[in-house]
N, C-alpha and C. Protein backbone atom coordinates (compact mmCIF):
# COMPACT_ATOMS: atom_id res chain seq x y z
N MET A 1 -42.23 91.03 -161.75
CA MET A 1 -43.27 91.24 -160.76
C MET A 1 -42.91 90.48 -159.48
N LEU A 2 -42.93 91.18 -158.38
CA LEU A 2 -42.56 90.59 -157.09
C LEU A 2 -43.76 89.89 -156.48
N ARG A 3 -43.57 88.66 -156.04
CA ARG A 3 -44.65 87.88 -155.44
C ARG A 3 -44.26 87.51 -154.02
N ILE A 4 -45.06 87.97 -153.07
CA ILE A 4 -44.81 87.70 -151.66
C ILE A 4 -46.08 87.16 -151.03
N ALA A 5 -45.98 86.05 -150.31
CA ALA A 5 -47.10 85.42 -149.59
C ALA A 5 -48.30 85.18 -150.51
N GLY A 6 -48.03 84.82 -151.77
CA GLY A 6 -49.11 84.51 -152.70
C GLY A 6 -49.78 85.72 -153.31
N VAL A 7 -49.21 86.91 -153.13
CA VAL A 7 -49.79 88.14 -153.68
C VAL A 7 -48.79 88.78 -154.63
N ASN A 8 -49.25 89.13 -155.82
CA ASN A 8 -48.41 89.85 -156.77
C ASN A 8 -48.44 91.33 -156.42
N LEU A 9 -47.27 91.90 -156.17
CA LEU A 9 -47.21 93.32 -155.85
C LEU A 9 -47.15 94.13 -157.14
N PRO A 10 -47.88 95.25 -157.20
CA PRO A 10 -47.87 96.08 -158.42
C PRO A 10 -46.50 96.69 -158.68
N ASP A 11 -46.08 96.70 -159.94
CA ASP A 11 -44.74 97.16 -160.32
C ASP A 11 -44.58 98.67 -160.24
N GLU A 12 -45.61 99.42 -160.56
CA GLU A 12 -45.49 100.87 -160.70
C GLU A 12 -45.60 101.64 -159.38
N LYS A 13 -45.92 100.96 -158.29
CA LYS A 13 -46.09 101.66 -157.02
C LYS A 13 -44.80 101.63 -156.20
N ARG A 14 -44.69 102.59 -155.27
CA ARG A 14 -43.55 102.57 -154.35
C ARG A 14 -43.68 101.32 -153.49
N ILE A 15 -42.55 100.76 -153.07
CA ILE A 15 -42.56 99.50 -152.34
C ILE A 15 -43.31 99.62 -151.02
N GLU A 16 -43.27 100.80 -150.40
CA GLU A 16 -43.98 101.00 -149.14
C GLU A 16 -45.49 100.83 -149.34
N VAL A 17 -46.01 101.32 -150.45
CA VAL A 17 -47.44 101.20 -150.75
C VAL A 17 -47.76 99.80 -151.26
N ALA A 18 -46.88 99.24 -152.08
CA ALA A 18 -47.12 97.92 -152.67
C ALA A 18 -47.22 96.84 -151.59
N LEU A 19 -46.46 96.96 -150.52
CA LEU A 19 -46.51 95.96 -149.45
C LEU A 19 -47.88 95.92 -148.77
N THR A 20 -48.61 97.04 -148.80
CA THR A 20 -49.92 97.07 -148.15
C THR A 20 -50.96 96.27 -148.91
N TYR A 21 -50.64 95.78 -150.11
CA TYR A 21 -51.55 94.92 -150.85
C TYR A 21 -51.64 93.53 -150.22
N ILE A 22 -50.71 93.22 -149.33
CA ILE A 22 -50.71 91.94 -148.63
C ILE A 22 -51.60 92.05 -147.40
N TYR A 23 -52.54 91.12 -147.25
CA TYR A 23 -53.45 91.13 -146.11
C TYR A 23 -52.64 90.96 -144.82
N GLY A 24 -52.78 91.90 -143.92
CA GLY A 24 -52.06 91.84 -142.65
C GLY A 24 -50.91 92.82 -142.56
N ILE A 25 -50.60 93.50 -143.67
CA ILE A 25 -49.55 94.51 -143.65
C ILE A 25 -50.16 95.86 -143.99
N GLY A 26 -50.12 96.77 -143.04
CA GLY A 26 -50.60 98.13 -143.27
C GLY A 26 -49.41 99.04 -143.54
N SER A 27 -49.69 100.34 -143.59
CA SER A 27 -48.61 101.28 -143.90
C SER A 27 -47.55 101.31 -142.80
N GLY A 28 -47.98 101.20 -141.54
CA GLY A 28 -47.02 101.21 -140.44
C GLY A 28 -46.09 100.01 -140.47
N THR A 29 -46.67 98.83 -140.67
CA THR A 29 -45.86 97.61 -140.72
C THR A 29 -44.93 97.64 -141.93
N ALA A 30 -45.43 98.14 -143.06
CA ALA A 30 -44.60 98.23 -144.26
C ALA A 30 -43.39 99.12 -144.01
N SER A 31 -43.60 100.26 -143.33
CA SER A 31 -42.49 101.16 -143.01
C SER A 31 -41.47 100.48 -142.11
N GLU A 32 -41.96 99.76 -141.09
CA GLU A 32 -41.06 99.06 -140.16
C GLU A 32 -40.22 98.02 -140.90
N ILE A 33 -40.85 97.26 -141.78
CA ILE A 33 -40.15 96.22 -142.52
C ILE A 33 -39.01 96.84 -143.35
N LEU A 34 -39.32 97.90 -144.08
CA LEU A 34 -38.32 98.52 -144.95
C LEU A 34 -37.22 99.18 -144.14
N GLU A 35 -37.58 99.75 -142.98
CA GLU A 35 -36.57 100.37 -142.11
C GLU A 35 -35.60 99.32 -141.58
N GLU A 36 -36.16 98.20 -141.13
CA GLU A 36 -35.32 97.15 -140.56
C GLU A 36 -34.41 96.52 -141.61
N LEU A 37 -34.89 96.42 -142.85
CA LEU A 37 -34.07 95.83 -143.91
C LEU A 37 -33.22 96.87 -144.62
N SER A 38 -33.32 98.11 -144.18
CA SER A 38 -32.60 99.27 -144.76
C SER A 38 -32.78 99.35 -146.28
N ILE A 39 -34.05 99.37 -146.68
CA ILE A 39 -34.42 99.55 -148.08
C ILE A 39 -35.17 100.87 -148.18
N SER A 40 -34.88 101.65 -149.21
CA SER A 40 -35.53 102.95 -149.38
C SER A 40 -37.03 102.78 -149.61
N LYS A 41 -37.83 103.64 -148.98
CA LYS A 41 -39.28 103.59 -149.14
C LYS A 41 -39.72 104.18 -150.47
N GLN A 42 -38.85 104.96 -151.10
CA GLN A 42 -39.21 105.66 -152.33
C GLN A 42 -39.03 104.82 -153.59
N VAL A 43 -38.31 103.71 -153.50
CA VAL A 43 -38.01 102.91 -154.68
C VAL A 43 -39.28 102.19 -155.16
N ARG A 44 -39.43 102.09 -156.47
CA ARG A 44 -40.58 101.39 -157.06
C ARG A 44 -40.33 99.88 -157.00
N THR A 45 -41.42 99.12 -157.00
CA THR A 45 -41.30 97.66 -156.91
C THR A 45 -40.48 97.10 -158.07
N LYS A 46 -40.68 97.65 -159.27
CA LYS A 46 -39.96 97.12 -160.44
C LYS A 46 -38.46 97.41 -160.37
N ASP A 47 -38.06 98.43 -159.60
CA ASP A 47 -36.65 98.81 -159.51
C ASP A 47 -35.89 98.08 -158.39
N LEU A 48 -36.59 97.25 -157.62
CA LEU A 48 -35.91 96.48 -156.56
C LEU A 48 -34.99 95.44 -157.18
N SER A 49 -33.84 95.24 -156.56
CA SER A 49 -32.96 94.18 -157.04
C SER A 49 -33.51 92.84 -156.53
N ASP A 50 -33.03 91.75 -157.11
CA ASP A 50 -33.48 90.42 -156.69
C ASP A 50 -33.12 90.17 -155.23
N ILE A 51 -31.97 90.65 -154.82
CA ILE A 51 -31.53 90.45 -153.43
C ILE A 51 -32.48 91.15 -152.46
N GLU A 52 -32.85 92.40 -152.78
CA GLU A 52 -33.78 93.14 -151.91
C GLU A 52 -35.15 92.47 -151.89
N GLY A 53 -35.60 92.02 -153.04
CA GLY A 53 -36.89 91.32 -153.12
C GLY A 53 -36.89 90.06 -152.26
N ASN A 54 -35.80 89.31 -152.31
CA ASN A 54 -35.69 88.09 -151.51
C ASN A 54 -35.62 88.41 -150.02
N LYS A 55 -34.93 89.52 -149.67
CA LYS A 55 -34.86 89.94 -148.27
C LYS A 55 -36.25 90.23 -147.72
N ILE A 56 -37.03 90.98 -148.50
CA ILE A 56 -38.40 91.32 -148.07
C ILE A 56 -39.24 90.06 -147.95
N ARG A 57 -39.16 89.19 -148.95
CA ARG A 57 -39.95 87.95 -148.95
C ARG A 57 -39.62 87.09 -147.72
N ASP A 58 -38.34 86.91 -147.44
CA ASP A 58 -37.93 86.10 -146.29
C ASP A 58 -38.42 86.71 -144.98
N TYR A 59 -38.28 88.03 -144.85
CA TYR A 59 -38.70 88.71 -143.62
C TYR A 59 -40.20 88.54 -143.40
N VAL A 60 -40.99 88.77 -144.45
CA VAL A 60 -42.45 88.68 -144.32
C VAL A 60 -42.87 87.25 -143.99
N GLU A 61 -42.27 86.27 -144.65
CA GLU A 61 -42.67 84.89 -144.42
C GLU A 61 -42.27 84.39 -143.03
N LYS A 62 -41.18 84.90 -142.48
CA LYS A 62 -40.70 84.40 -141.20
C LYS A 62 -41.21 85.18 -139.99
N LYS A 63 -41.35 86.50 -140.12
CA LYS A 63 -41.61 87.31 -138.94
C LYS A 63 -42.98 87.98 -138.89
N VAL A 64 -43.70 88.01 -140.00
CA VAL A 64 -44.99 88.70 -140.01
C VAL A 64 -46.09 87.70 -140.32
N ARG A 65 -47.15 87.74 -139.54
CA ARG A 65 -48.28 86.83 -139.77
C ARG A 65 -49.19 87.49 -140.81
N VAL A 66 -49.34 86.86 -141.98
CA VAL A 66 -50.10 87.45 -143.07
C VAL A 66 -51.00 86.42 -143.75
N GLU A 67 -51.92 86.94 -144.58
CA GLU A 67 -52.79 86.16 -145.46
C GLU A 67 -53.50 85.02 -144.73
N GLY A 68 -53.36 83.78 -145.20
CA GLY A 68 -54.13 82.65 -144.70
C GLY A 68 -53.95 82.38 -143.22
N GLU A 69 -52.74 82.47 -142.75
CA GLU A 69 -52.45 82.22 -141.34
C GLU A 69 -53.16 83.24 -140.44
N LEU A 70 -53.13 84.51 -140.85
CA LEU A 70 -53.78 85.56 -140.08
C LEU A 70 -55.30 85.40 -140.11
N LYS A 71 -55.85 85.10 -141.29
CA LYS A 71 -57.30 84.91 -141.41
C LYS A 71 -57.76 83.73 -140.55
N HIS A 72 -56.96 82.66 -140.53
CA HIS A 72 -57.30 81.49 -139.71
C HIS A 72 -57.30 81.86 -138.23
N GLU A 73 -56.32 82.65 -137.80
CA GLU A 73 -56.25 83.05 -136.40
C GLU A 73 -57.46 83.91 -136.01
N ILE A 74 -57.84 84.84 -136.87
CA ILE A 74 -59.00 85.69 -136.60
C ILE A 74 -60.26 84.85 -136.51
N ARG A 75 -60.43 83.91 -137.45
CA ARG A 75 -61.61 83.03 -137.45
C ARG A 75 -61.67 82.21 -136.16
N SER A 76 -60.52 81.69 -135.72
CA SER A 76 -60.52 80.88 -134.50
C SER A 76 -60.79 81.72 -133.26
N ASN A 77 -60.33 82.98 -133.26
CA ASN A 77 -60.63 83.87 -132.13
C ASN A 77 -62.12 84.15 -132.04
N ILE A 78 -62.77 84.39 -133.19
CA ILE A 78 -64.21 84.64 -133.19
C ILE A 78 -64.96 83.39 -132.76
N LYS A 79 -64.51 82.24 -133.21
CA LYS A 79 -65.15 80.97 -132.83
C LYS A 79 -65.06 80.76 -131.33
N ARG A 80 -63.90 81.09 -130.75
CA ARG A 80 -63.71 80.96 -129.30
C ARG A 80 -64.67 81.87 -128.55
N LEU A 81 -64.82 83.11 -129.02
CA LEU A 81 -65.74 84.05 -128.38
C LEU A 81 -67.17 83.53 -128.41
N LYS A 82 -67.57 82.91 -129.53
CA LYS A 82 -68.92 82.36 -129.65
C LYS A 82 -69.11 81.19 -128.69
N GLU A 83 -68.09 80.34 -128.58
CA GLU A 83 -68.20 79.14 -127.73
C GLU A 83 -68.33 79.49 -126.25
N ILE A 84 -67.59 80.50 -125.80
CA ILE A 84 -67.66 80.83 -124.37
C ILE A 84 -68.89 81.68 -124.05
N GLY A 85 -69.57 82.15 -125.10
CA GLY A 85 -70.83 82.85 -124.90
C GLY A 85 -70.69 84.26 -124.33
N CYS A 86 -69.57 84.89 -124.57
CA CYS A 86 -69.40 86.25 -124.07
C CYS A 86 -70.19 87.23 -124.93
N TYR A 87 -70.26 88.45 -124.48
CA TYR A 87 -71.05 89.48 -125.16
C TYR A 87 -70.63 89.63 -126.63
N ARG A 88 -69.31 89.74 -126.85
CA ARG A 88 -68.82 89.92 -128.21
C ARG A 88 -69.16 88.71 -129.08
N GLY A 89 -69.08 87.51 -128.51
CA GLY A 89 -69.42 86.30 -129.26
C GLY A 89 -70.88 86.28 -129.66
N ILE A 90 -71.74 86.70 -128.76
CA ILE A 90 -73.18 86.74 -129.05
C ILE A 90 -73.46 87.76 -130.15
N ARG A 91 -72.79 88.91 -130.10
CA ARG A 91 -72.97 89.92 -131.14
C ARG A 91 -72.52 89.37 -132.50
N HIS A 92 -71.43 88.60 -132.52
CA HIS A 92 -70.98 87.97 -133.77
C HIS A 92 -72.04 87.01 -134.29
N GLN A 93 -72.62 86.20 -133.39
CA GLN A 93 -73.62 85.22 -133.78
C GLN A 93 -74.85 85.90 -134.38
N LYS A 94 -75.27 86.99 -133.76
CA LYS A 94 -76.49 87.68 -134.21
C LYS A 94 -76.25 88.57 -135.43
N GLY A 95 -74.99 88.78 -135.77
CA GLY A 95 -74.68 89.62 -136.92
C GLY A 95 -74.89 91.09 -136.63
N LEU A 96 -74.61 91.50 -135.41
CA LEU A 96 -74.75 92.90 -135.00
C LEU A 96 -73.38 93.51 -134.77
N PRO A 97 -73.29 94.83 -134.66
CA PRO A 97 -71.99 95.46 -134.39
C PRO A 97 -71.41 94.98 -133.06
N VAL A 98 -70.12 94.73 -133.05
CA VAL A 98 -69.46 94.12 -131.90
C VAL A 98 -68.82 95.16 -130.99
N ARG A 99 -68.39 96.28 -131.55
CA ARG A 99 -67.53 97.20 -130.80
C ARG A 99 -68.25 98.42 -130.23
N GLY A 100 -69.49 98.25 -129.82
CA GLY A 100 -70.16 99.31 -129.08
C GLY A 100 -70.82 100.38 -129.91
N GLN A 101 -70.96 100.17 -131.21
CA GLN A 101 -71.62 101.19 -132.02
C GLN A 101 -73.12 101.20 -131.73
N ARG A 102 -73.76 102.32 -132.01
CA ARG A 102 -75.20 102.41 -131.80
C ARG A 102 -75.92 101.57 -132.84
N THR A 103 -77.10 101.06 -132.48
CA THR A 103 -77.83 100.22 -133.42
C THR A 103 -79.19 100.79 -133.79
N LYS A 104 -79.59 101.89 -133.14
CA LYS A 104 -80.87 102.48 -133.53
C LYS A 104 -80.79 102.98 -134.97
N THR A 105 -79.65 103.56 -135.30
CA THR A 105 -79.39 103.96 -136.69
C THR A 105 -77.96 103.54 -137.01
N ASN A 106 -77.59 103.66 -138.25
CA ASN A 106 -76.19 103.53 -138.68
C ASN A 106 -75.56 102.16 -138.48
N ASN A 107 -76.29 101.08 -138.65
CA ASN A 107 -75.60 99.79 -138.66
C ASN A 107 -76.04 98.96 -139.85
N ARG A 108 -76.32 99.65 -140.94
CA ARG A 108 -76.74 98.95 -142.16
C ARG A 108 -75.62 98.07 -142.71
N THR A 109 -74.38 98.44 -142.50
CA THR A 109 -73.28 97.68 -143.05
C THR A 109 -73.23 96.28 -142.46
N VAL A 110 -73.42 96.17 -141.16
CA VAL A 110 -73.33 94.87 -140.51
C VAL A 110 -74.59 94.05 -140.75
N ARG A 111 -75.76 94.70 -140.63
CA ARG A 111 -77.02 93.98 -140.75
C ARG A 111 -77.43 93.72 -142.19
N GLY A 112 -76.82 94.41 -143.11
CA GLY A 112 -77.34 94.41 -144.46
C GLY A 112 -78.35 95.54 -144.50
N ASN A 113 -78.95 95.80 -145.62
CA ASN A 113 -79.88 96.93 -145.70
C ASN A 113 -81.27 96.50 -145.29
N VAL A 114 -81.38 95.93 -144.09
CA VAL A 114 -82.66 95.46 -143.56
C VAL A 114 -83.29 96.61 -142.80
N ARG A 115 -84.51 96.94 -143.13
CA ARG A 115 -85.21 98.01 -142.42
C ARG A 115 -86.23 97.37 -141.52
N ARG A 116 -86.14 97.63 -140.22
CA ARG A 116 -86.97 96.91 -139.27
C ARG A 116 -88.05 97.74 -138.61
N THR A 117 -88.12 99.02 -138.90
CA THR A 117 -89.16 99.83 -138.27
C THR A 117 -90.23 100.17 -139.28
N MET A 118 -91.40 100.46 -138.78
CA MET A 118 -92.51 100.78 -139.66
C MET A 118 -92.26 102.12 -140.34
N GLY A 119 -92.44 102.16 -141.59
CA GLY A 119 -92.30 103.43 -142.31
C GLY A 119 -90.92 103.68 -142.85
N SER A 120 -89.91 103.01 -142.35
CA SER A 120 -88.56 103.25 -142.88
C SER A 120 -88.40 102.44 -144.15
N GLY A 121 -88.07 103.12 -145.21
CA GLY A 121 -87.87 102.44 -146.48
C GLY A 121 -89.16 102.18 -147.23
N ARG A 122 -90.28 102.76 -146.75
CA ARG A 122 -91.54 102.57 -147.41
C ARG A 122 -91.62 103.39 -148.68
N VAL A 123 -92.23 102.84 -149.69
CA VAL A 123 -92.42 103.57 -150.93
C VAL A 123 -93.66 104.44 -150.79
N LYS A 124 -93.54 105.70 -151.09
CA LYS A 124 -94.66 106.64 -150.97
C LYS A 124 -95.68 106.36 -152.08
N THR A 125 -96.96 106.36 -151.71
CA THR A 125 -98.00 106.20 -152.72
C THR A 125 -98.38 107.56 -153.25
N GLU A 126 -98.69 107.62 -154.52
CA GLU A 126 -99.01 108.93 -155.10
C GLU A 126 -100.46 109.31 -154.77
N LYS A 127 -100.68 110.60 -154.54
CA LYS A 127 -102.02 111.11 -154.22
C LYS A 127 -102.77 111.40 -155.51
N THR A 128 -104.06 111.02 -155.53
CA THR A 128 -104.90 111.31 -156.71
C THR A 128 -105.97 112.31 -156.44
């Protein structure tokens, strides 16, 4: 089992897909990594040689920002936005959508399933 940046990659998946299990690596980045290291995208993780596995591990650790380091950077960027009091920072503080989505409807994911208008989510009483 190949372990990169503290994540165990699944053995049965193609290496291009398995790399996306690492936080910070999507399908595009995974393709670029394999292209640059000249490793086939079709090979399964379990079929990689030790040399190829080490090549991928070294590349990811040295050139790609992933996992804890990336999460820390994102957290510090959000903290900076809150401190300077910009619009996006205020939206983060209030727990509202940051990127211009409508809030009259369709923001249950960010707010939680909080219903704030009268009648929305009310249980109907039965008529007798």
